[in-house]
C-alpha atoms as a PDB file:
ATOM      1  CA  ASP A   1       4.166  14.011  16.980  1.00  0.00           C
ATOM      2  CA  ARG A   2       3.622  11.415  14.892  1.00  0.00           C
ATOM      3  CA  GLU A   3       0.609  13.066  14.158  1.00  0.00           C
ATOM      4  CA  ARG A   4       1.786  16.546  12.582  1.00  0.00           C
ATOM      5  CA  THR A   5       3.885  14.347  10.734  1.00  0.00           C
ATOM      6  CA  VAL A   6       0.206  14.074   8.690  1.00  0.00           C
ATOM      7  CA  PHE A   7      -2.012  16.791   9.539  1.00  0.00           C
ATOM      8  CA  ASP A   8      -0.361  20.122  11.154  1.00  0.00           C
ATOM      9  CA  GLU A   9      -3.549  20.822  13.235  1.00  0.00           C
ATOM     10  CA  ARG A  10      -1.889  24.311  14.319  1.00  0.00           C
ATOM     11  CA  THR A  11      -3.933  27.361  13.381  1.00  0.00           C
ATOM     12  CA  ASP A  12      -3.452  30.992  12.441  1.00  0.00           C
ATOM     13  CA  ILE A  13      -5.037  32.111  15.586  1.00  0.00           C
ATOM     14  CA  ASN A  14      -6.154  35.484  14.313  1.00  0.00           C
ATOM     15  CA  GLU A  15      -8.223  33.171  12.185  1.00  0.00           C
ATOM     16  CA  LEU A  16      -9.690  31.132  14.700  1.00  0.00           C
ATOM     17  CA  ARG A  17      -9.936  34.162  16.617  1.00  0.00           C
ATOM     18  CA  GLU A  18     -13.024  34.485  13.515  1.00  0.00           C
ATOM     19  CA  GLY A  19     -13.733  31.818  13.516  1.00  0.00           C
ATOM     20  CA  ARG A  20     -12.342  29.948  11.056  1.00  0.00           C
ATOM     21  CA  TYR A  21      -9.839  26.777  11.613  1.00  0.00           C
ATOM     22  CA  LEU A  22      -7.322  26.482   9.387  1.00  0.00           C
ATOM     23  CA  ARG A  23      -4.531  23.576   9.054  1.00  0.00           C
ATOM     24  CA  ARG A  24      -1.158  24.010   7.518  1.00  0.00           C
ATOM     25  CA  GLU A  25      -0.106  22.396   5.091  1.00  0.00           C
ATOM     26  CA  GLN A  26       3.130  23.201   3.675  1.00  0.00           C
ATOM     27  CA  GLY A  27       5.067  20.022   4.112  1.00  0.00           C
ATOM     28  CA  LYS A  28       2.458  17.670   5.430  1.00  0.00           C
ATOM     29  CA  LEU A  29       0.385  15.055   4.304  1.00  0.00           C
ATOM     30  CA  PRO A  30      -1.730  17.545   1.454  1.00  0.00           C
ATOM     31  CA  THR A  31       0.782  18.598   0.348  1.00  0.00           C
ATOM     32  CA  ALA A  32       3.137  15.456  -0.915  1.00  0.00           C
ATOM     33  CA  ARG A  33       2.904  12.773  -3.783  1.00  0.00           C
ATOM     34  CA  LEU A  34       4.417  10.386  -2.634  1.00  0.00           C
ATOM     35  CA  ALA A  35       3.953   9.564   1.406  1.00  0.00           C
ATOM     36  CA  PHE A  36       4.853   6.979   4.292  1.00  0.00           C
ATOM     37  CA  LEU A  37       2.650   7.081   7.305  1.00  0.00           C
ATOM     38  CA  ASP A  38       5.192   5.454   9.987  1.00  0.00           C
ATOM     39  CA  GLU A  39       3.276   4.038  12.433  1.00  0.00           C
ATOM     40  CA  ILE A  40      -0.209   4.790  11.463  1.00  0.00           C
ATOM     41  CA  PHE A  41      -2.471   3.259  14.235  1.00  0.00           C
ATOM     42  CA  LYS A  42      -1.216   5.451  17.010  1.00  0.00           C
ATOM     43  CA  ALA A  43      -2.729   8.486  15.156  1.00  0.00           C
ATOM     44  CA  SER A  44      -5.854   9.743  16.786  1.00  0.00           C
ATOM     45  CA  SER A  45      -9.443   8.920  15.609  1.00  0.00           C
ATOM     46  CA  ALA A  46      -9.593  11.977  14.521  1.00  0.00           C
ATOM     47  CA  ILE A  47      -6.905  11.987  12.150  1.00  0.00           C
ATOM     48  CA  LEU A  48      -7.797   8.601  10.809  1.00  0.00           C
ATOM     49  CA  ASN A  49     -10.631   9.313   9.531  1.00  0.00           C
ATOM     50  CA  ALA A  50      -9.109  12.340   7.729  1.00  0.00           C
ATOM     51  CA  LEU A  51      -6.815  10.061   6.208  1.00  0.00           C
ATOM     52  CA  LEU A  52     -10.065   8.227   5.286  1.00  0.00           C
ATOM     53  CA  THR A  53     -11.061  11.318   3.669  1.00  0.00           C
ATOM     54  CA  VAL A  54      -7.607  11.872   1.641  1.00  0.00           C
ATOM     55  CA  ILE A  55      -7.421   7.814   0.628  1.00  0.00           C
ATOM     56  CA  ASN A  56     -10.566   7.418  -0.379  1.00  0.00           C
ATOM     57  CA  GLU A  57     -11.219  10.898  -2.206  1.00  0.00           C
ATOM     58  CA  ARG A  58      -8.274  11.906  -2.353  1.00  0.00           C
ATOM     59  CA  LYS A  59      -9.026  15.204  -0.606  1.00  0.00           C
ATOM     60  CA  PHE A  60      -9.102  17.224   2.945  1.00  0.00           C
ATOM     61  CA  TYR A  61     -11.509  19.182   5.017  1.00  0.00           C
ATOM     62  CA  GLN A  62     -10.214  23.010   5.575  1.00  0.00           C
ATOM     63  CA  ASP A  63     -12.778  24.660   8.006  1.00  0.00           C
ATOM     64  CA  GLY A  64     -15.419  22.333   6.367  1.00  0.00           C
ATOM     65  CA  VAL A  65     -14.525  23.693   2.731  1.00  0.00           C
ATOM     66  CA  PRO A  66     -13.134  19.988   0.969  1.00  0.00           C
ATOM     67  CA  VAL A  67      -9.646  20.861  -0.932  1.00  0.00           C
ATOM     68  CA  PRO A  68      -8.023  18.586  -3.379  1.00  0.00           C
ATOM     69  CA  VAL A  69      -4.904  16.099  -1.654  1.00  0.00           C
ATOM     70  CA  LYS A  70      -1.599  15.379  -4.457  1.00  0.00           C
ATOM     71  CA  LEU A  71      -0.470  11.842  -3.228  1.00  0.00           C
ATOM     72  CA  LYS A  72      -0.209   8.757  -5.715  1.00  0.00           C
ATOM     73  CA  ILE A  73       1.561   6.672  -3.953  1.00  0.00           C
ATOM     74  CA  LEU A  74       0.783   5.998  -0.267  1.00  0.00           C
ATOM     75  CA  PHE A  75       3.244   3.439   2.004  1.00  0.00           C
ATOM     76  CA  ALA A  76       2.252   3.117   6.160  1.00  0.00           C
ATOM     77  CA  ALA A  77       4.147   1.017   8.719  1.00  0.00           C
ATOM     78  CA  THR A  78       2.846  -0.513  12.200  1.00  0.00           C
ATOM     79  CA  ASN A  79       4.285  -2.620  14.753  1.00  0.00           C
ATOM     80  CA  GLU A  80       0.712  -3.301  16.173  1.00  0.00           C
ATOM     81  CA  ILE A  81      -1.683  -4.839  13.863  1.00  0.00           C
ATOM     82  CA  PRO A  82      -5.063  -3.335  15.509  1.00  0.00           C
ATOM     83  CA  GLU A  83      -8.475  -6.035  15.478  1.00  0.00           C
ATOM     84  CA  HIS A  84     -10.782  -3.011  16.069  1.00  0.00           C
ATOM     85  CA  SER A  85     -13.869  -3.352  14.011  1.00  0.00           C
ATOM     86  CA  GLU A  86     -13.479   0.412  13.560  1.00  0.00           C
ATOM     87  CA  LEU A  87     -10.205   0.669  11.615  1.00  0.00           C
ATOM     88  CA  GLY A  88     -11.426  -2.142   9.371  1.00  0.00           C
ATOM     89  CA  ALA A  89     -12.374  -0.118   6.478  1.00  0.00           C
ATOM     90  CA  LEU A  90      -8.829   2.094   7.009  1.00  0.00           C
ATOM     91  CA  LYS A  91      -6.581  -1.772   7.212  1.00  0.00           C
ATOM     92  CA  ASP A  92      -9.013  -2.504   3.904  1.00  0.00           C
ATOM     93  CA  ARG A  93      -7.380   0.543   1.801  1.00  0.00           C
ATOM     94  CA  PHE A  94      -4.177  -1.168   2.284  1.00  0.00           C
ATOM     95  CA  VAL A  95      -4.187  -3.842   0.307  1.00  0.00           C
ATOM     96  CA  LEU A  96      -1.366  -6.241   1.064  1.00  0.00           C
ATOM     97  CA  LYS A  97       0.205  -6.372   4.157  1.00  0.00           C
ATOM     98  CA  ALA A  98       4.375  -7.195   4.553  1.00  0.00           C
ATOM     99  CA  ALA A  99       5.916  -8.341   7.531  1.00  0.00           C
ATOM    100  CA  CYS A 100       9.419  -7.793   8.093  1.00  0.00           C
ATOM    101  CA  ARG A 101      11.006  -9.644  10.049  1.00  0.00           C
ATOM    102  CA  SER A 102      14.145  -9.692  12.175  1.00  0.00           C
ATOM    103  CA  VAL A 103      17.413 -11.575   9.054  1.00  0.00           C
ATOM    104  CA  GLN A 104      20.183 -12.367  11.513  1.00  0.00           C
ATOM    105  CA  GLU A 105      19.374 -15.697  12.438  1.00  0.00           C
ATOM    106  CA  THR A 106      19.428 -16.545   9.165  1.00  0.00           C
ATOM    107  CA  HIS A 107      21.481 -13.733   7.061  1.00  0.00           C
ATOM    108  CA  PHE A 108      24.251 -13.378  10.224  1.00  0.00           C
ATOM    109  CA  ILE A 109      27.080 -11.719   7.658  1.00  0.00           C
ATOM    110  CA  GLU A 110      24.780  -9.998   4.845  1.00  0.00           C
ATOM    111  CA  LEU A 111      22.976  -8.454   7.933  1.00  0.00           C
ATOM    112  CA  LEU A 112      25.872  -6.877   9.418  1.00  0.00           C
ATOM    113  CA  ASP A 113      27.594  -6.048   5.112  1.00  0.00           C
ATOM    114  CA  ALA A 114      24.672  -4.194   4.684  1.00  0.00           C
ATOM    115  CA  GLY A 115      23.927  -2.263   7.458  1.00  0.00           C
ATOM    116  CA  LEU A 116      27.361  -1.163   7.863  1.00  0.00           C
ATOM    117  CA  GLU A 117      27.054   0.393   4.034  1.00  0.00           C
ATOM    118  CA  ALA A 118      24.048   2.161   4.334  1.00  0.00           C
ATOM    119  CA  GLN A 119      25.251   3.847   7.988  1.00  0.00           C
ATOM    120  CA  THR A 120      28.289   4.212   5.605  1.00  0.00           C
ATOM    121  CA  ASN A 121      26.216   6.393   3.115  1.00  0.00           C
ATOM    122  CA  LYS A 122      24.098   7.747   5.390  1.00  0.00           C
ATOM    123  CA  ASP A 123      27.317   9.548   7.114  1.00  0.00           C
ATOM    124  CA  LEU A 124      28.043  10.996   3.977  1.00  0.00           C
ATOM    125  CA  ASN A 125      25.259  11.914   2.054  1.00  0.00           C
ATOM    126  CA  ARG A 126      25.610   9.450  -0.213  1.00  0.00           C
ATOM    127  CA  LYS A 127      22.458   8.597  -2.220  1.00  0.00           C
ATOM    128  CA  PRO A 128      23.454   5.245  -4.090  1.00  0.00           C
ATOM    129  CA  TRP A 129      19.697   4.098  -4.880  1.00  0.00           C
ATOM    130  CA  ALA A 130      18.358   6.638  -6.089  1.00  0.00           C
ATOM    131  CA  GLU A 131      20.713   6.319  -9.678  1.00  0.00           C
ATOM    132  CA  GLY A 132      19.689   4.570 -11.850  1.00  0.00           C
ATOM    133  CA  LEU A 133      16.030   3.981 -10.889  1.00  0.00           C
ATOM    134  CA  ALA A 134      13.148   4.477 -12.399  1.00  0.00           C
ATOM    135  CA  THR A 135      11.130   8.095 -11.018  1.00  0.00           C
ATOM    136  CA  LEU A 136       7.805   9.039  -8.927  1.00  0.00           C
ATOM    137  CA  ASP A 137       7.140  10.137 -13.255  1.00  0.00           C
ATOM    138  CA  ASP A 138       7.711   6.945 -14.874  1.00  0.00           C
ATOM    139  CA  LEU A 139       5.864   5.105 -12.321  1.00  0.00           C
ATOM    140  CA  LEU A 140       2.779   7.792 -12.722  1.00  0.00           C
ATOM    141  CA  LYS A 141       3.666   7.363 -16.684  1.00  0.00           C
ATOM    142  CA  ALA A 142       3.616   3.701 -16.335  1.00  0.00           C
ATOM    143  CA  HIS A 143       0.171   4.098 -13.865  1.00  0.00           C
ATOM    144  CA  ARG A 144      -1.601   5.692 -16.581  1.00  0.00           C
ATOM    145  CA  TYR A 145      -0.866   3.242 -19.538  1.00  0.00           C
ATOM    146  CA  LEU A 146      -1.729   0.351 -17.543  1.00  0.00           C
ATOM    147  CA  THR A 147      -4.911   1.834 -16.422  1.00  0.00           C
ATOM    148  CA  LEU A 148      -5.604   3.046 -20.626  1.00  0.00           C
ATOM    149  CA  LEU A 149      -4.716  -1.375 -21.127  1.00  0.00           C
ATOM    150  CA  MET A 150      -7.113  -2.136 -18.781  1.00  0.00           C
ATOM    151  CA  ALA A 151     -10.116   0.611 -19.764  1.00  0.00           C
ATOM    152  CA  ARG A 152     -10.495  -1.012 -22.576  1.00  0.00           C
ATOM    153  CA  LYS A 153     -13.840  -2.040 -23.437  1.00  0.00           C
ATOM    154  CA  GLU A 154     -12.651  -4.812 -27.040  1.00  0.00           C
ATOM    155  CA  PRO A 155     -11.036  -6.949 -25.509  1.00  0.00           C
ATOM    156  CA  LYS A 156     -11.332  -6.637 -22.494  1.00  0.00           C
ATOM    157  CA  ASP A 157      -8.240  -7.152 -20.112  1.00  0.00           C
ATOM    158  CA  ARG A 158      -8.859 -10.493 -18.307  1.00  0.00           C
ATOM    159  CA  GLU A 159      -9.306 -11.739 -21.924  1.00  0.00           C
ATOM    160  CA  LEU A 160      -5.522 -10.807 -23.371  1.00  0.00           C
ATOM    161  CA  PHE A 161      -3.950 -10.733 -20.344  1.00  0.00           C
ATOM    162  CA  PHE A 162      -5.967 -13.030 -17.883  1.00  0.00           C
ATOM    163  CA  ARG A 163      -6.286 -16.461 -19.353  1.00  0.00           C
ATOM    164  CA  GLU A 164      -8.592 -18.446 -18.114  1.00  0.00           C
ATOM    165  CA  GLU A 165      -6.322 -21.582 -15.912  1.00  0.00           C
ATOM    166  CA  ILE A 166      -4.827 -18.702 -13.838  1.00  0.00           C
ATOM    167  CA  MET A 167      -8.108 -17.034 -13.378  1.00  0.00           C
ATOM    168  CA  ARG A 168     -10.084 -20.707 -12.168  1.00  0.00           C
ATOM    169  CA  GLU A 169      -6.421 -20.769  -9.677  1.00  0.00           C
ATOM    170  CA  PHE A 170      -6.805 -16.778  -8.247  1.00  0.00           C
ATOM    171  CA  ARG A 171     -10.372 -17.123  -8.102  1.00  0.00           C
ATOM    172  CA  ARG A 172      -9.441 -21.261  -6.118  1.00  0.00           C
ATOM    173  CA  VAL A 173      -7.048 -19.303  -3.626  1.00  0.00           C
ATOM    174  CA  ILE A 174      -9.380 -16.727  -2.982  1.00  0.00           C
ATOM    175  CA  ARG A 175     -12.007 -18.126  -2.443  1.00  0.00           C
ATOM    176  CA  THR A 176     -10.094 -21.276   0.003  1.00  0.00           C
ATOM    177  CA  VAL A 177      -8.930 -18.267   2.083  1.00  0.00           C
ATOM    178  CA  VAL A 178     -12.449 -17.224   2.697  1.00  0.00           C
ATOM    179  CA  ARG A 179     -13.884 -20.500   3.559  1.00  0.00           C
ATOM    180  CA  GLU A 180     -10.915 -22.066   5.250  1.00  0.00           C
ATOM    181  CA  ASP A 181      -9.439 -19.386   7.799  1.00  0.00           C
ATOM    182  CA  GLU A 182     -11.955 -16.719   7.255  1.00  0.00           C
ATOM    183  CA  VAL A 183      -9.655 -14.176   6.106  1.00  0.00           C
ATOM    184  CA  PHE A 184     -11.992 -10.847   4.607  1.00  0.00           C
ATOM    185  CA  ILE A 185     -10.849  -9.349   1.303  1.00  0.00           C
ATOM    186  CA  SER A 186     -13.859  -6.717  -0.050  1.00  0.00           C
ATOM    187  CA  ASP A 187     -14.954  -7.179  -2.986  1.00  0.00           C
ATOM    188  CA  ARG A 188     -13.059  -2.831  -3.315  1.00  0.00           C
ATOM    189  CA  LYS A 189     -10.084  -4.672  -2.113  1.00  0.00           C
ATOM    190  CA  LEU A 190     -10.334  -7.670  -5.346  1.00  0.00           C
ATOM    191  CA  ILE A 191     -10.998  -5.848  -7.814  1.00  0.00           C
ATOM    192  CA  LYS A 192      -7.464  -3.781  -6.563  1.00  0.00           C
ATOM    193  CA  LEU A 193      -6.227  -7.280  -6.125  1.00  0.00           C
ATOM    194  CA  TYR A 194      -6.667  -7.905 -10.195  1.00  0.00           C
ATOM    195  CA  ARG A 195      -4.636  -4.547 -10.809  1.00  0.00           C
ATOM    196  CA  LEU A 196      -1.356  -4.971  -8.820  1.00  0.00           C
ATOM    197  CA  LEU A 197      -1.286  -8.954 -10.213  1.00  0.00           C
ATOM    198  CA  ARG A 198      -1.759  -7.490 -14.214  1.00  0.00           C
ATOM    199  CA  THR A 199       0.941  -4.372 -12.747  1.00  0.00           C
ATOM    200  CA  ARG A 200       3.534  -7.075 -11.056  1.00  0.00           C
ATOM    201  CA  ALA A 201       3.264  -9.265 -14.510  1.00  0.00           C
ATOM    202  CA  TRP A 202       3.846  -6.562 -16.454  1.00  0.00           C
ATOM    203  CA  LEU A 203       6.723  -5.390 -14.101  1.00  0.00           C
ATOM    204  CA  PHE A 204       8.371  -8.814 -14.231  1.00  0.00           C
ATOM    205  CA  HIS A 205       7.697 -10.084 -17.573  1.00  0.00           C
ATOM    206  CA  GLY A 206       5.867  -7.782 -19.909  1.00  0.00           C
ATOM    207  CA  GLY A 207       3.097  -9.689 -20.125  1.00  0.00           C
ATOM    208  CA  ALA A 208       0.168 -12.143 -19.351  1.00  0.00           C
ATOM    209  CA  VAL A 209      -0.484 -12.427 -15.848  1.00  0.00           C
ATOM    210  CA  GLU A 210       1.602 -16.167 -14.627  1.00  0.00           C
ATOM    211  CA  ARG A 211       0.962 -18.464 -12.310  1.00  0.00           C
ATOM    212  CA  GLU A 212       4.116 -16.936 -10.029  1.00  0.00           C
ATOM    213  CA  ASP A 213       2.590 -13.261  -9.820  1.00  0.00           C
ATOM    214  CA  LEU A 214      -0.745 -14.931  -7.569  1.00  0.00           C
ATOM    215  CA  SER A 215       1.817 -15.278  -4.948  1.00  0.00           C
ATOM    216  CA  LEU A 216       0.587 -11.938  -4.236  1.00  0.00           C
ATOM    217  CA  LEU A 217      -2.185 -13.236  -2.257  1.00  0.00           C
ATOM    218  CA  ALA A 218       0.336 -14.374   0.184  1.00  0.00           C
ATOM    219  CA  TYR A 219      -0.330 -11.033   1.787  1.00  0.00           C
ATOM    220  CA  LEU A 220      -3.527 -10.625   2.366  1.00  0.00           C
ATOM    221  CA  GLY A 221      -3.778 -10.898   6.377  1.00  0.00           C
ATOM    222  CA  GLU A 222      -5.386  -8.732   8.193  1.00  0.00           C
ATOM    223  CA  THR A 223      -3.889 -10.120  11.389  1.00  0.00           C
ATOM    224  CA  ARG A 224      -0.572 -10.761  12.457  1.00  0.00           C
ATOM    225  CA  ALA A 225      -2.256 -15.090  12.401  1.00  0.00           C
ATOM    226  CA  GLU A 226      -3.393 -14.323   8.853  1.00  0.00           C
ATOM    227  CA  ILE A 227      -0.439 -13.376   7.569  1.00  0.00           C
ATOM    228  CA  ASP A 228       1.936 -15.966   8.831  1.00  0.00           C
ATOM    229  CA  LEU A 229      -0.689 -18.432   8.183  1.00  0.00           C
ATOM    230  CA  LEU A 230      -0.722 -16.786   4.656  1.00  0.00           C
ATOM    231  CA  GLU A 231       2.797 -16.795   3.933  1.00  0.00           C
ATOM    232  CA  GLU A 232       2.993 -20.294   3.963  1.00  0.00           C
ATOM    233  CA  LYS A 233       0.073 -21.706   2.583  1.00  0.00           C
ATOM    234  CA  VAL A 234      -1.034 -19.345  -0.247  1.00  0.00           C
ATOM    235  CA  PRO A 235       2.392 -21.063  -2.314  1.00  0.00           C
ATOM    236  CA  ARG A 236       1.472 -25.067  -1.399  1.00  0.00           C
ATOM    237  CA  LEU A 237      -2.297 -24.251  -2.960  1.00  0.00           C
ATOM    238  CA  LEU A 238      -0.022 -22.276  -5.694  1.00  0.00           C
ATOM    239  CA  GLY A 239       2.326 -25.699  -6.080  1.00  0.00           C
ATOM    240  CA  ILE A 240       5.680 -22.808  -5.904  1.00  0.00           C
ATOM    241  CA  THR A 241       7.021 -22.957  -2.601  1.00  0.00           C
END
């Protein structure tokens, strides 16, 4: 079932008889460096609590003992966005949330061509997307490079890569969606947003954050209504529609 793709709750019977509850780790989240969790909110509360510890502290508890995990990158998907406040902490860890909508109305032919090509590659065990692209190690090296840049004290990172004009726009958009639309943006998320904006700028044009990089703010919605609203409102606020 879905929960066993994250943690395997099955234990060694002999160990259990001795009073030790050990999760099986091999092939599960504790041993992965990059993970994608489908239907994340369908997991039990126990699994979600354990997942929160993995994300926050990069560890999980094995028979009461904290064990480091190798996780570096985590993506997740859901068909249902829960409104329960107790899941707010977990949702807040996923800074950006993009809606995946049907494209057949506007890209009917392109959908057929892309879908048939993808199915053919799958049936023939071809992986054209894996050729000539960045590896996970490449991404981790890039992350370390940007982290070292942002760690400098003099001059500060924002003084070099975040012009005052763009910083004002960043702050204006955040204030607007918080005050007018009551979108919740925690202090934690704000710091992560800075890092994401810097990363996008580096990837797309190798330098300072520009107005178009602020388009990431369109993906801050926590509910389906907020997601729909911000996808339209943020580009309009930035004048990049």
